[in-house]
């Protein structure tokens, strides 16, 4: 049993029939010790480069076929009920994973650590005391332009919803109307 495999160029030790373990396995399973593994077939859907699992489809497209989901389905990028998050490690408002709500980051860049009045009631608030919230004037959670964001205290922000936005009137309402 001592020596190397009989296959030319193979320097592995012989185990059985004068072949190394790899060539002996190939002889047993393929009937030919020199046969290489065939490359795996690619998914039959468009430009998908994943390997086939069954029925000519990759695991993703096979799962979609079983569930009746179109093959070209893609998840919506933004949930309309959620705020946008952005990964900004080291930002003062970031959580332990380095994520910051975009609307808070935009408002923070404009007022930093200053104490500012609440847009609705006028009480003093600041980011340092963690009492400031960024309120969207048009109620669109994905419209994070600075013109659409105003600083608000917790009670004013909680009391002003899409269905009862008329309840809160800004102390600056006269200035806004005059400016437009």
C-alpha atoms as a PDB file:
ATOM      1  CA  UNK A   1       0.000   0.000   0.000  1.00  0.00           C
ATOM      2  CA  UNK A   2       2.984   2.295   0.224  1.00  0.00           C
ATOM      3  CA  UNK A   3       3.697   4.638  -2.633  1.00  0.00           C
ATOM      4  CA  UNK A   4       1.767   7.175  -4.616  1.00  0.00           C
ATOM      5  CA  UNK A   5      -1.362   6.930  -6.729  1.00  0.00           C
ATOM      6  CA  UNK A   6      -0.985   5.208 -10.146  1.00  0.00           C
ATOM      7  CA  UNK A   7      -2.622   8.159 -11.923  1.00  0.00           C
ATOM      8  CA  UNK A   8       0.018  10.221 -13.686  1.00  0.00           C
ATOM      9  CA  UNK A   9       0.745  13.519 -11.926  1.00  0.00           C
ATOM     10  CA  UNK A  10      -1.049  12.548  -8.678  1.00  0.00           C
ATOM     11  CA  UNK A  11       1.331  12.478  -5.710  1.00  0.00           C
ATOM     12  CA  UNK A  12      -1.221  11.486  -3.060  1.00  0.00           C
ATOM     13  CA  UNK A  13      -0.658   8.224  -1.134  1.00  0.00           C
ATOM     14  CA  UNK A  14      -2.377   5.046  -2.365  1.00  0.00           C
ATOM     15  CA  UNK A  15      -5.321   3.741  -0.338  1.00  0.00           C
ATOM     16  CA  UNK A  16      -7.041   1.024  -2.448  1.00  0.00           C
ATOM     17  CA  UNK A  17      -6.549  -0.521  -5.874  1.00  0.00           C
ATOM     18  CA  UNK A  18      -3.395   1.479  -6.249  1.00  0.00           C
ATOM     19  CA  UNK A  19      -5.357   4.734  -6.300  1.00  0.00           C
ATOM     20  CA  UNK A  20      -5.571   7.651  -3.892  1.00  0.00           C
ATOM     21  CA  UNK A  21      -8.793   8.275  -2.031  1.00  0.00           C
ATOM     22  CA  UNK A  22     -10.048  10.852  -4.581  1.00  0.00           C
ATOM     23  CA  UNK A  23      -9.408   8.693  -7.673  1.00  0.00           C
ATOM     24  CA  UNK A  24     -10.853   5.605  -5.944  1.00  0.00           C
ATOM     25  CA  UNK A  25     -14.059   7.569  -5.185  1.00  0.00           C
ATOM     26  CA  UNK A  26     -14.307   8.726  -8.801  1.00  0.00           C
ATOM     27  CA  UNK A  27     -13.839   5.152 -10.026  1.00  0.00           C
ATOM     28  CA  UNK A  28     -16.581   3.900  -7.693  1.00  0.00           C
ATOM     29  CA  UNK A  29     -19.131   6.647  -8.466  1.00  0.00           C
ATOM     30  CA  UNK A  30     -18.368   7.609 -12.064  1.00  0.00           C
ATOM     31  CA  UNK A  31     -16.705   4.428 -13.352  1.00  0.00           C
ATOM     32  CA  UNK A  32     -13.682   6.445 -14.454  1.00  0.00           C
ATOM     33  CA  UNK A  33     -10.931   7.657 -12.074  1.00  0.00           C
ATOM     34  CA  UNK A  34     -10.082  10.581 -14.387  1.00  0.00           C
ATOM     35  CA  UNK A  35     -13.592  12.027 -14.694  1.00  0.00           C
ATOM     36  CA  UNK A  36     -13.942  15.530 -13.262  1.00  0.00           C
ATOM     37  CA  UNK A  37     -17.082  16.878 -11.648  1.00  0.00           C
ATOM     38  CA  UNK A  38     -19.354  18.485 -14.192  1.00  0.00           C
ATOM     39  CA  UNK A  39     -19.965  22.209 -13.721  1.00  0.00           C
ATOM     40  CA  UNK A  40     -23.326  22.957 -12.138  1.00  0.00           C
ATOM     41  CA  UNK A  41     -26.023  24.228 -14.457  1.00  0.00           C
ATOM     42  CA  UNK A  42     -27.144  27.856 -14.179  1.00  0.00           C
ATOM     43  CA  UNK A  43     -30.706  28.989 -13.478  1.00  0.00           C
ATOM     44  CA  UNK A  44     -32.874  29.182 -16.580  1.00  0.00           C
ATOM     45  CA  UNK A  45     -34.405  32.559 -15.629  1.00  0.00           C
ATOM     46  CA  UNK A  46     -32.980  35.538 -17.523  1.00  0.00           C
ATOM     47  CA  UNK A  47     -29.676  36.789 -16.206  1.00  0.00           C
ATOM     48  CA  UNK A  48     -29.701  34.750 -12.979  1.00  0.00           C
ATOM     49  CA  UNK A  49     -26.248  33.231 -12.416  1.00  0.00           C
ATOM     50  CA  UNK A  50     -27.152  31.016  -9.432  1.00  0.00           C
ATOM     51  CA  UNK A  51     -26.780  27.241  -9.661  1.00  0.00           C
ATOM     52  CA  UNK A  52     -29.795  25.010 -10.263  1.00  0.00           C
ATOM     53  CA  UNK A  53     -31.541  23.294  -7.362  1.00  0.00           C
ATOM     54  CA  UNK A  54     -34.457  21.704  -9.194  1.00  0.00           C
ATOM     55  CA  UNK A  55     -36.634  22.029 -12.305  1.00  0.00           C
ATOM     56  CA  UNK A  56     -33.894  24.121 -13.938  1.00  0.00           C
ATOM     57  CA  UNK A  57     -34.314  26.876 -11.311  1.00  0.00           C
ATOM     58  CA  UNK A  58     -32.168  28.248  -8.506  1.00  0.00           C
ATOM     59  CA  UNK A  59     -33.532  28.095  -4.930  1.00  0.00           C
ATOM     60  CA  UNK A  60     -34.899  31.667  -5.140  1.00  0.00           C
ATOM     61  CA  UNK A  61     -36.825  31.166  -8.384  1.00  0.00           C
ATOM     62  CA  UNK A  62     -37.948  27.670  -7.351  1.00  0.00           C
ATOM     63  CA  UNK A  63     -39.442  29.134  -4.163  1.00  0.00           C
ATOM     64  CA  UNK A  64     -41.192  31.847  -6.170  1.00  0.00           C
ATOM     65  CA  UNK A  65     -42.590  29.236  -8.587  1.00  0.00           C
ATOM     66  CA  UNK A  66     -44.003  27.163  -5.701  1.00  0.00           C
ATOM     67  CA  UNK A  67     -45.615  30.223  -4.083  1.00  0.00           C
ATOM     68  CA  UNK A  68     -46.982  31.665  -7.323  1.00  0.00           C
ATOM     69  CA  UNK A  69     -44.836  34.805  -7.151  1.00  0.00           C
ATOM     70  CA  UNK A  70     -43.684  36.288 -10.497  1.00  0.00           C
ATOM     71  CA  UNK A  71     -40.027  35.523 -11.274  1.00  0.00           C
ATOM     72  CA  UNK A  72     -39.203  39.215 -11.824  1.00  0.00           C
ATOM     73  CA  UNK A  73     -40.694  40.314  -8.485  1.00  0.00           C
ATOM     74  CA  UNK A  74     -38.605  42.704  -6.418  1.00  0.00           C
ATOM     75  CA  UNK A  75     -39.405  43.981  -2.973  1.00  0.00           C
ATOM     76  CA  UNK A  76     -40.471  47.600  -2.641  1.00  0.00           C
ATOM     77  CA  UNK A  77     -37.517  49.652  -1.510  1.00  0.00           C
ATOM     78  CA  UNK A  78     -39.306  51.779   1.082  1.00  0.00           C
ATOM     79  CA  UNK A  79     -42.172  50.987   3.378  1.00  0.00           C
ATOM     80  CA  UNK A  80     -44.462  54.057   3.381  1.00  0.00           C
ATOM     81  CA  UNK A  81     -45.117  53.611   7.116  1.00  0.00           C
ATOM     82  CA  UNK A  82     -41.440  53.660   8.083  1.00  0.00           C
ATOM     83  CA  UNK A  83     -38.838  56.383   8.238  1.00  0.00           C
ATOM     84  CA  UNK A  84     -35.647  56.119   6.207  1.00  0.00           C
ATOM     85  CA  UNK A  85     -32.579  54.942   8.096  1.00  0.00           C
ATOM     86  CA  UNK A  86     -29.025  55.608   7.012  1.00  0.00           C
ATOM     87  CA  UNK A  87     -25.825  54.110   8.353  1.00  0.00           C
ATOM     88  CA  UNK A  88     -23.606  56.956   9.564  1.00  0.00           C
ATOM     89  CA  UNK A  89     -21.171  55.526  12.141  1.00  0.00           C
ATOM     90  CA  UNK A  90     -19.911  58.142  14.571  1.00  0.00           C
ATOM     91  CA  UNK A  91     -22.846  60.522  14.057  1.00  0.00           C
ATOM     92  CA  UNK A  92     -23.974  62.106  17.363  1.00  0.00           C
ATOM     93  CA  UNK A  93     -27.541  60.813  16.890  1.00  0.00           C
ATOM     94  CA  UNK A  94     -26.533  57.299  15.752  1.00  0.00           C
ATOM     95  CA  UNK A  95     -27.649  54.222  17.655  1.00  0.00           C
ATOM     96  CA  UNK A  96     -25.199  51.498  18.705  1.00  0.00           C
ATOM     97  CA  UNK A  97     -25.258  50.047  15.162  1.00  0.00           C
ATOM     98  CA  UNK A  98     -24.411  53.431  13.610  1.00  0.00           C
ATOM     99  CA  UNK A  99     -27.886  54.037  12.129  1.00  0.00           C
ATOM    100  CA  UNK A 100     -29.590  57.436  12.092  1.00  0.00           C
ATOM    101  CA  UNK A 101     -33.034  58.441  10.903  1.00  0.00           C
ATOM    102  CA  UNK A 102     -32.425  60.620   7.849  1.00  0.00           C
ATOM    103  CA  UNK A 103     -34.935  63.311   8.836  1.00  0.00           C
ATOM    104  CA  UNK A 104     -33.250  63.707  12.249  1.00  0.00           C
ATOM    105  CA  UNK A 105     -29.787  63.894  10.633  1.00  0.00           C
ATOM    106  CA  UNK A 106     -30.941  66.579   8.161  1.00  0.00           C
ATOM    107  CA  UNK A 107     -32.479  68.716  10.903  1.00  0.00           C
ATOM    108  CA  UNK A 108     -29.436  68.185  13.144  1.00  0.00           C
ATOM    109  CA  UNK A 109     -27.093  69.464  10.423  1.00  0.00           C
ATOM    110  CA  UNK A 110     -29.025  72.728  10.279  1.00  0.00           C
ATOM    111  CA  UNK A 111     -29.378  73.486  14.001  1.00  0.00           C
ATOM    112  CA  UNK A 112     -26.649  71.302  15.635  1.00  0.00           C
ATOM    113  CA  UNK A 113     -26.736  71.553  19.456  1.00  0.00           C
ATOM    114  CA  UNK A 114     -28.565  74.910  19.656  1.00  0.00           C
ATOM    115  CA  UNK A 115     -31.615  75.381  21.861  1.00  0.00           C
ATOM    116  CA  UNK A 116     -34.477  76.249  19.513  1.00  0.00           C
ATOM    117  CA  UNK A 117     -38.188  76.875  20.057  1.00  0.00           C
ATOM    118  CA  UNK A 118     -40.716  74.205  19.137  1.00  0.00           C
ATOM    119  CA  UNK A 119     -42.281  75.105  15.792  1.00  0.00           C
ATOM    120  CA  UNK A 120     -45.803  74.550  17.180  1.00  0.00           C
ATOM    121  CA  UNK A 121     -45.836  75.776  20.789  1.00  0.00           C
ATOM    122  CA  UNK A 122     -42.570  77.704  21.173  1.00  0.00           C
ATOM    123  CA  UNK A 123     -41.147  75.817  24.191  1.00  0.00           C
ATOM    124  CA  UNK A 124     -37.316  75.549  24.160  1.00  0.00           C
ATOM    125  CA  UNK A 125     -35.952  72.209  22.921  1.00  0.00           C
ATOM    126  CA  UNK A 126     -32.549  70.833  21.870  1.00  0.00           C
ATOM    127  CA  UNK A 127     -30.852  67.704  20.601  1.00  0.00           C
ATOM    128  CA  UNK A 128     -28.535  67.659  23.636  1.00  0.00           C
ATOM    129  CA  UNK A 129     -31.476  67.206  26.008  1.00  0.00           C
ATOM    130  CA  UNK A 130     -32.995  64.643  23.572  1.00  0.00           C
ATOM    131  CA  UNK A 131     -36.280  66.575  23.635  1.00  0.00           C
ATOM    132  CA  UNK A 132     -36.287  67.542  19.962  1.00  0.00           C
ATOM    133  CA  UNK A 133     -38.156  65.690  17.225  1.00  0.00           C
ATOM    134  CA  UNK A 134     -38.099  66.379  13.504  1.00  0.00           C
ATOM    135  CA  UNK A 135     -41.665  66.919  12.290  1.00  0.00           C
ATOM    136  CA  UNK A 136     -42.638  66.624   8.615  1.00  0.00           C
ATOM    137  CA  UNK A 137     -44.916  69.500   7.604  1.00  0.00           C
ATOM    138  CA  UNK A 138     -46.528  67.616   4.712  1.00  0.00           C
ATOM    139  CA  UNK A 139     -46.778  64.282   6.631  1.00  0.00           C
ATOM    140  CA  UNK A 140     -44.645  62.495   3.995  1.00  0.00           C
ATOM    141  CA  UNK A 141     -42.107  60.389   5.907  1.00  0.00           C
ATOM    142  CA  UNK A 142     -39.811  60.170   2.887  1.00  0.00           C
ATOM    143  CA  UNK A 143     -39.723  63.901   2.067  1.00  0.00           C
ATOM    144  CA  UNK A 144     -36.616  64.819   4.056  1.00  0.00           C
ATOM    145  CA  UNK A 145     -35.920  68.237   2.571  1.00  0.00           C
ATOM    146  CA  UNK A 146     -34.945  70.844   5.140  1.00  0.00           C
ATOM    147  CA  UNK A 147     -37.904  73.004   4.030  1.00  0.00           C
ATOM    148  CA  UNK A 148     -40.271  70.199   5.060  1.00  0.00           C
ATOM    149  CA  UNK A 149     -38.691  69.551   8.489  1.00  0.00           C
ATOM    150  CA  UNK A 150     -39.339  71.590  11.599  1.00  0.00           C
ATOM    151  CA  UNK A 151     -38.238  71.059  15.218  1.00  0.00           C
ATOM    152  CA  UNK A 152     -41.065  69.929  17.485  1.00  0.00           C
ATOM    153  CA  UNK A 153     -41.427  68.904  21.107  1.00  0.00           C
ATOM    154  CA  UNK A 154     -42.745  65.451  21.954  1.00  0.00           C
ATOM    155  CA  UNK A 155     -46.276  66.518  22.890  1.00  0.00           C
ATOM    156  CA  UNK A 156     -46.762  68.657  19.775  1.00  0.00           C
ATOM    157  CA  UNK A 157     -45.385  65.974  17.480  1.00  0.00           C
ATOM    158  CA  UNK A 158     -47.574  63.269  19.059  1.00  0.00           C
ATOM    159  CA  UNK A 159     -50.697  65.434  18.926  1.00  0.00           C
ATOM    160  CA  UNK A 160     -50.290  66.353  15.263  1.00  0.00           C
ATOM    161  CA  UNK A 161     -51.272  63.491  12.980  1.00  0.00           C
ATOM    162  CA  UNK A 162     -52.417  63.304   9.382  1.00  0.00           C
ATOM    163  CA  UNK A 163     -56.057  62.998  10.443  1.00  0.00           C
ATOM    164  CA  UNK A 164     -56.004  65.894  12.923  1.00  0.00           C
ATOM    165  CA  UNK A 165     -53.249  68.155  11.598  1.00  0.00           C
ATOM    166  CA  UNK A 166     -55.537  71.167  11.987  1.00  0.00           C
ATOM    167  CA  UNK A 167     -55.423  70.890  15.813  1.00  0.00           C
ATOM    168  CA  UNK A 168     -51.872  72.276  16.086  1.00  0.00           C
ATOM    169  CA  UNK A 169     -51.256  75.742  14.752  1.00  0.00           C
ATOM    170  CA  UNK A 170     -47.742  77.048  14.592  1.00  0.00           C
ATOM    171  CA  UNK A 171     -46.727  80.140  16.497  1.00  0.00           C
ATOM    172  CA  UNK A 172     -44.899  81.048  13.269  1.00  0.00           C
ATOM    173  CA  UNK A 173     -47.974  80.600  11.074  1.00  0.00           C
ATOM    174  CA  UNK A 174     -48.309  84.352  10.421  1.00  0.00           C
ATOM    175  CA  UNK A 175     -44.636  84.554   9.341  1.00  0.00           C
ATOM    176  CA  UNK A 176     -45.046  81.630   6.956  1.00  0.00           C
ATOM    177  CA  UNK A 177     -48.150  83.107   5.350  1.00  0.00           C
ATOM    178  CA  UNK A 178     -46.491  86.510   4.939  1.00  0.00           C
ATOM    179  CA  UNK A 179     -43.349  84.982   3.391  1.00  0.00           C
ATOM    180  CA  UNK A 180     -45.293  83.156   0.670  1.00  0.00           C
END
